[in-house]
N, C-alpha and C. Protein backbone atom coordinates (compact mmCIF):
# COMPACT_ATOMS: atom_id res chain seq x y z
N MET A 1 54.74 149.34 79.54
CA MET A 1 53.28 149.75 79.19
C MET A 1 53.20 151.32 79.32
N ASN A 2 52.62 152.24 78.32
CA ASN A 2 52.72 153.42 78.66
C ASN A 2 51.19 153.56 78.91
N SER A 3 50.83 154.27 79.96
CA SER A 3 49.47 154.58 80.77
C SER A 3 48.95 155.77 80.02
N ASN A 4 49.71 156.60 79.41
CA ASN A 4 49.20 158.04 79.05
C ASN A 4 48.43 157.91 77.70
N TYR A 5 47.17 157.28 77.69
CA TYR A 5 46.31 157.16 76.51
C TYR A 5 46.02 158.43 76.06
N GLN A 6 45.63 159.46 76.78
CA GLN A 6 45.65 160.78 76.12
C GLN A 6 46.39 161.50 76.90
N THR A 7 47.16 162.36 76.10
CA THR A 7 47.76 163.68 76.44
C THR A 7 47.73 164.70 75.77
N PRO A 8 48.03 166.02 75.95
CA PRO A 8 47.67 167.12 75.36
C PRO A 8 48.73 167.32 74.08
N ASP A 9 49.81 166.48 74.12
CA ASP A 9 50.58 166.53 72.86
C ASP A 9 49.99 165.59 71.84
N ASP A 10 48.85 164.62 71.99
CA ASP A 10 48.08 164.31 71.03
C ASP A 10 47.58 165.26 70.18
N LEU A 11 47.08 166.60 70.53
CA LEU A 11 46.56 167.44 69.74
C LEU A 11 47.57 168.28 68.66
N LEU A 12 48.83 167.81 68.88
CA LEU A 12 50.03 168.12 67.84
C LEU A 12 49.77 167.06 66.78
N LEU A 13 49.09 166.24 66.78
CA LEU A 13 48.96 165.48 65.63
C LEU A 13 47.51 165.74 64.68
N ALA A 14 46.95 166.52 65.28
CA ALA A 14 45.98 167.02 64.55
C ALA A 14 46.09 167.50 63.01
N ARG A 15 46.99 168.21 62.83
CA ARG A 15 47.43 168.45 61.67
C ARG A 15 47.77 167.21 60.43
N LYS A 16 48.34 166.20 61.26
CA LYS A 16 48.88 164.96 60.50
C LYS A 16 47.55 164.26 60.07
N LEU A 17 46.71 163.97 61.05
CA LEU A 17 45.52 163.63 60.57
C LEU A 17 44.60 164.24 59.59
N ALA A 18 44.57 165.49 59.65
CA ALA A 18 43.97 166.13 58.58
C ALA A 18 44.65 165.87 57.35
N GLU A 19 46.09 165.95 57.22
CA GLU A 19 46.58 165.81 56.05
C GLU A 19 46.37 164.39 55.34
N LYS A 20 45.97 163.37 56.17
CA LYS A 20 45.77 162.45 55.59
C LYS A 20 44.24 161.85 54.91
N VAL A 21 43.32 163.17 55.41
CA VAL A 21 41.73 163.04 55.22
C VAL A 21 41.64 164.21 54.88
N PRO A 22 42.25 165.21 53.91
CA PRO A 22 41.85 166.33 53.67
C PRO A 22 40.23 166.94 53.33
N LEU A 23 39.66 166.06 52.42
CA LEU A 23 38.20 166.32 52.29
C LEU A 23 37.56 166.39 53.42
N GLU A 24 37.77 165.28 54.28
CA GLU A 24 36.77 165.10 55.59
C GLU A 24 37.42 166.22 56.66
N SER A 25 38.54 166.60 56.64
CA SER A 25 39.25 167.40 57.60
C SER A 25 38.26 168.96 57.22
N GLN A 26 38.40 169.18 55.89
CA GLN A 26 38.04 170.36 55.77
C GLN A 26 36.48 170.68 56.06
N ALA A 27 35.74 169.80 55.74
CA ALA A 27 34.30 169.46 55.81
C ALA A 27 33.94 169.65 57.44
N TRP A 28 34.67 169.17 58.17
CA TRP A 28 34.44 169.11 59.76
C TRP A 28 35.03 170.66 60.09
N LEU A 29 35.91 170.76 59.58
CA LEU A 29 36.57 172.44 59.96
C LEU A 29 35.43 173.52 59.86
N ALA A 30 35.04 173.36 58.42
CA ALA A 30 33.93 174.58 57.93
C ALA A 30 32.57 174.06 58.62
N PHE A 31 32.21 173.15 59.30
CA PHE A 31 31.09 173.03 59.97
C PHE A 31 31.25 173.46 61.50
N ASP A 32 32.54 173.01 62.21
CA ASP A 32 32.83 173.75 63.27
C ASP A 32 32.84 175.26 63.36
N HIS A 33 33.54 175.72 62.38
CA HIS A 33 33.59 177.29 62.30
C HIS A 33 32.11 177.90 62.22
N ALA A 34 31.37 177.03 61.45
CA ALA A 34 30.06 177.57 61.31
C ALA A 34 29.42 177.63 62.71
N VAL A 35 29.48 176.36 63.19
CA VAL A 35 28.65 176.47 64.69
C VAL A 35 29.29 177.30 65.71
N PHE A 36 30.49 177.39 65.74
CA PHE A 36 31.11 178.69 66.51
C PHE A 36 31.16 179.93 66.27
N ARG A 37 30.49 180.35 65.21
CA ARG A 37 30.77 181.72 64.82
C ARG A 37 29.91 182.59 65.69
N GLU A 38 30.24 183.82 65.34
CA GLU A 38 29.46 185.12 66.39
C GLU A 38 28.07 185.16 65.66
N GLY A 39 27.19 185.59 66.41
CA GLY A 39 25.90 185.65 65.78
C GLY A 39 25.24 184.75 65.91
N GLY A 40 24.05 184.52 65.57
CA GLY A 40 23.19 183.54 65.59
C GLY A 40 21.85 183.69 66.78
N HIS A 41 21.36 182.93 67.25
CA HIS A 41 20.34 183.05 68.00
C HIS A 41 20.97 182.66 69.15
N ILE A 42 21.78 181.84 69.39
CA ILE A 42 22.67 181.26 70.55
C ILE A 42 23.95 182.18 70.69
N ASN A 43 23.91 182.77 71.78
CA ASN A 43 25.33 183.47 71.73
C ASN A 43 26.48 182.81 72.20
N ALA A 44 27.73 183.11 71.93
CA ALA A 44 28.68 182.34 71.79
C ALA A 44 29.22 181.56 73.31
N LYS A 45 28.75 182.17 74.27
CA LYS A 45 29.06 181.78 75.70
C LYS A 45 27.97 180.49 76.07
N HIS A 46 26.76 180.47 75.31
CA HIS A 46 25.95 179.42 75.70
C HIS A 46 26.28 178.09 74.39
N ARG A 47 26.75 178.74 73.38
CA ARG A 47 27.31 177.62 72.42
C ARG A 47 28.30 176.91 73.21
N GLU A 48 29.14 177.72 74.15
CA GLU A 48 30.48 176.77 74.68
C GLU A 48 29.65 176.03 75.82
N TRP A 49 28.84 176.52 76.61
CA TRP A 49 28.07 175.73 77.59
C TRP A 49 27.55 174.34 76.87
N ILE A 50 26.98 174.36 75.99
CA ILE A 50 26.29 173.19 75.04
C ILE A 50 27.39 172.64 74.95
N ALA A 51 28.50 172.96 74.21
CA ALA A 51 29.77 172.19 73.79
C ALA A 51 30.37 171.44 74.90
N LEU A 52 30.34 172.01 75.69
CA LEU A 52 31.14 171.61 77.10
C LEU A 52 30.21 170.39 77.93
N GLY A 53 28.88 170.88 78.07
CA GLY A 53 27.89 169.51 78.30
C GLY A 53 28.23 168.40 77.67
N VAL A 54 28.03 168.53 76.01
CA VAL A 54 28.28 167.41 75.31
C VAL A 54 29.77 166.74 75.43
N ALA A 55 30.67 167.59 75.48
CA ALA A 55 32.12 166.81 75.90
C ALA A 55 32.22 166.08 77.19
N LEU A 56 31.56 166.84 78.16
CA LEU A 56 31.38 165.95 79.34
C LEU A 56 30.81 164.68 79.53
N ALA A 57 29.53 164.81 78.68
CA ALA A 57 28.84 163.46 78.64
C ALA A 57 29.45 162.37 77.65
N THR A 58 30.15 162.89 76.68
CA THR A 58 30.65 162.03 75.91
C THR A 58 32.50 161.83 76.55
N GLN A 59 32.49 162.35 77.26
CA GLN A 59 34.00 162.15 78.00
C GLN A 59 35.17 162.18 76.78
N CYS A 60 35.22 163.21 76.29
CA CYS A 60 36.33 163.61 75.55
C CYS A 60 37.13 164.69 76.38
N ALA A 61 38.28 164.17 76.59
CA ALA A 61 39.18 164.92 77.36
C ALA A 61 39.47 166.46 76.44
N TYR A 62 40.00 166.25 75.23
CA TYR A 62 40.36 167.20 74.40
C TYR A 62 39.31 168.33 74.22
N CYS A 63 37.88 167.90 74.13
CA CYS A 63 36.71 168.84 74.18
C CYS A 63 36.33 169.43 75.22
N ILE A 64 36.81 168.69 76.17
CA ILE A 64 36.57 169.23 77.70
C ILE A 64 37.65 170.69 77.60
N ASP A 65 38.84 170.12 77.17
CA ASP A 65 39.79 171.19 77.17
C ASP A 65 39.64 172.21 76.39
N VAL A 66 39.17 172.33 75.24
CA VAL A 66 38.87 173.23 74.37
C VAL A 66 37.74 174.16 74.90
N HIS A 67 36.56 173.74 75.05
CA HIS A 67 35.30 174.23 75.52
C HIS A 67 35.53 174.79 76.91
N VAL A 68 36.05 174.58 77.85
CA VAL A 68 36.34 175.26 79.22
C VAL A 68 36.99 176.27 78.65
N ARG A 69 38.26 176.27 78.05
CA ARG A 69 39.00 177.65 77.64
C ARG A 69 38.02 178.58 76.88
N GLY A 70 36.95 178.14 75.86
CA GLY A 70 36.21 178.98 75.33
C GLY A 70 35.24 179.46 76.10
N ALA A 71 34.58 178.63 77.20
CA ALA A 71 33.59 179.41 78.04
C ALA A 71 34.13 180.34 78.91
N ARG A 72 35.62 180.26 79.27
CA ARG A 72 36.13 181.12 80.18
C ARG A 72 36.20 182.44 79.24
N ARG A 73 36.84 182.31 77.92
CA ARG A 73 36.85 183.55 77.00
C ARG A 73 35.69 184.47 76.94
N HIS A 74 34.23 183.68 77.18
CA HIS A 74 33.56 184.27 77.24
C HIS A 74 32.90 184.93 78.38
N GLY A 75 33.60 184.68 79.24
CA GLY A 75 33.40 185.20 80.46
C GLY A 75 32.42 184.39 81.84
N SER A 76 32.43 183.00 81.40
CA SER A 76 31.75 182.02 82.14
C SER A 76 32.57 181.86 83.85
N THR A 77 31.51 181.72 84.80
CA THR A 77 32.40 181.58 86.04
C THR A 77 32.59 180.03 86.52
N SER A 78 33.15 179.87 87.33
CA SER A 78 33.46 178.55 87.96
C SER A 78 32.05 177.84 88.24
N GLU A 79 31.21 178.71 88.75
CA GLU A 79 29.86 178.36 89.28
C GLU A 79 28.81 177.88 88.25
N GLU A 80 29.06 178.57 87.10
CA GLU A 80 28.16 178.22 85.71
C GLU A 80 28.66 177.17 85.26
N LEU A 81 30.16 176.83 85.36
CA LEU A 81 30.67 175.43 84.66
C LEU A 81 30.33 174.33 85.38
N ALA A 82 30.13 174.77 86.46
CA ALA A 82 29.62 173.46 87.74
C ALA A 82 28.18 173.27 87.29
N GLU A 83 27.37 173.98 86.95
CA GLU A 83 26.02 173.96 86.59
C GLU A 83 25.88 173.07 85.42
N VAL A 84 26.81 173.67 84.43
CA VAL A 84 26.99 172.88 83.18
C VAL A 84 27.08 171.39 83.28
N ALA A 85 28.12 171.20 84.59
CA ALA A 85 28.42 169.66 84.57
C ALA A 85 27.43 168.85 85.54
N ALA A 86 26.35 169.83 85.97
CA ALA A 86 25.28 168.89 86.72
C ALA A 86 24.22 168.85 85.61
N VAL A 87 24.12 169.69 84.91
CA VAL A 87 23.02 169.42 83.71
C VAL A 87 23.67 168.22 82.82
N ALA A 88 24.74 167.89 82.64
CA ALA A 88 25.22 167.13 81.60
C ALA A 88 25.24 165.86 82.44
N ALA A 89 25.29 165.86 83.87
CA ALA A 89 25.30 164.49 84.88
C ALA A 89 23.94 163.81 84.73
N ALA A 90 22.93 164.94 84.77
CA ALA A 90 21.51 164.70 85.19
C ALA A 90 21.17 163.80 83.55
N VAL A 91 21.52 164.66 82.42
CA VAL A 91 20.92 164.29 81.24
C VAL A 91 21.58 162.87 80.97
N LYS A 92 22.97 162.45 81.34
CA LYS A 92 23.61 161.47 80.99
C LYS A 92 23.10 160.18 81.89
N GLY A 93 22.69 160.63 83.17
CA GLY A 93 22.04 159.90 83.93
C GLY A 93 20.46 159.25 83.44
N GLY A 94 20.07 160.44 83.19
CA GLY A 94 18.61 160.04 82.37
C GLY A 94 18.60 159.15 81.21
N ALA A 95 19.90 159.42 80.35
CA ALA A 95 19.77 158.46 78.98
C ALA A 95 20.21 157.03 79.70
N THR A 96 21.08 156.91 80.75
CA THR A 96 21.34 155.52 81.19
C THR A 96 20.19 154.81 81.69
N LEU A 97 19.02 155.47 82.45
CA LEU A 97 17.76 155.05 82.70
C LEU A 97 16.75 154.71 81.54
N ALA A 98 17.04 155.27 80.70
CA ALA A 98 16.32 155.19 79.30
C ALA A 98 16.48 153.94 78.80
N HIS A 99 18.21 153.73 78.76
CA HIS A 99 18.54 152.66 78.38
C HIS A 99 17.90 151.46 79.10
N GLY A 100 18.01 151.62 80.46
CA GLY A 100 17.59 150.51 81.37
C GLY A 100 16.33 150.24 81.03
N LEU A 101 15.46 151.25 80.81
CA LEU A 101 13.87 150.83 80.54
C LEU A 101 14.05 150.04 79.12
N MET A 102 14.78 149.99 78.44
CA MET A 102 14.48 149.50 76.90
C MET A 102 15.30 148.16 77.50
N ALA A 103 16.42 147.95 78.27
CA ALA A 103 16.76 146.53 78.69
C ALA A 103 15.81 145.74 79.49
N LEU A 104 14.96 146.62 80.16
CA LEU A 104 13.71 145.85 80.62
C LEU A 104 12.66 145.26 79.84
N ARG A 105 12.62 146.25 78.95
CA ARG A 105 11.49 145.91 77.78
C ARG A 105 11.90 144.78 77.05
N LEU A 106 13.38 144.68 76.42
CA LEU A 106 13.97 143.35 76.15
C LEU A 106 13.70 142.37 76.48
N HIS A 107 14.33 142.44 77.93
CA HIS A 107 14.38 141.14 78.71
C HIS A 107 12.65 140.39 78.95
N GLU A 108 12.07 141.45 79.23
CA GLU A 108 10.23 140.87 79.37
C GLU A 108 9.95 140.42 77.92
N SER A 109 10.14 141.09 76.97
CA SER A 109 9.84 140.41 75.71
C SER A 109 10.44 139.15 75.12
N ALA A 110 11.49 138.82 75.84
CA ALA A 110 12.04 137.57 75.10
C ALA A 110 11.41 136.48 75.44
N GLY A 111 10.26 136.28 76.35
CA GLY A 111 9.63 135.40 76.60
C GLY A 111 9.75 134.70 78.30
N PRO A 112 9.45 133.54 78.43
CA PRO A 112 9.74 132.84 79.43
C PRO A 112 11.25 132.91 80.33
N GLN A 113 11.25 133.26 81.33
CA GLN A 113 12.73 133.10 82.08
C GLN A 113 13.18 131.73 81.97
N PRO A 114 14.57 131.35 81.29
CA PRO A 114 14.99 129.96 81.40
C PRO A 114 15.37 129.75 82.94
N ALA A 115 15.35 128.20 83.29
CA ALA A 115 15.78 128.28 84.64
C ALA A 115 17.19 128.28 84.63
N PRO A 116 17.50 128.70 85.91
CA PRO A 116 19.00 128.97 86.04
C PRO A 116 19.93 127.60 86.01
N ALA A 117 21.14 127.94 85.44
CA ALA A 117 21.76 126.36 85.77
C ALA A 117 22.31 126.14 86.91
N ALA A 118 22.42 124.81 87.28
CA ALA A 118 22.94 124.66 88.51
C ALA A 118 24.16 124.71 88.83
N GLN A 119 24.24 124.99 90.00
CA GLN A 119 25.53 125.56 90.67
C GLN A 119 26.30 124.50 91.09
N PRO A 120 27.47 124.38 91.04
CA PRO A 120 28.27 123.05 91.56
C PRO A 120 28.74 123.15 92.94
């Protein structure tokens, strides 16, 4: 059994995937290029920080790789990337807590608690 579910070599398949869905691939690439363009109200370094934070929260290994390299290219320090990771962790933790609040609401709105099943 192969335990290498994610490897850098997977990125070599991107072209093959794009060939199978050319319309979708072209649309995504156009959007990606627009988002990571020079100019705009957010500079390139901060765009990479946002992208890295999202990549860390969504746990996309390939995105983490791409956006760490992008952040380095725009002068990010390891201390800055550590802060990006801390912010992403706090937001991800906040989202977990928010879903916990929803779970509590759903539990409480479900009516009276059923009696537990007898244990043997």
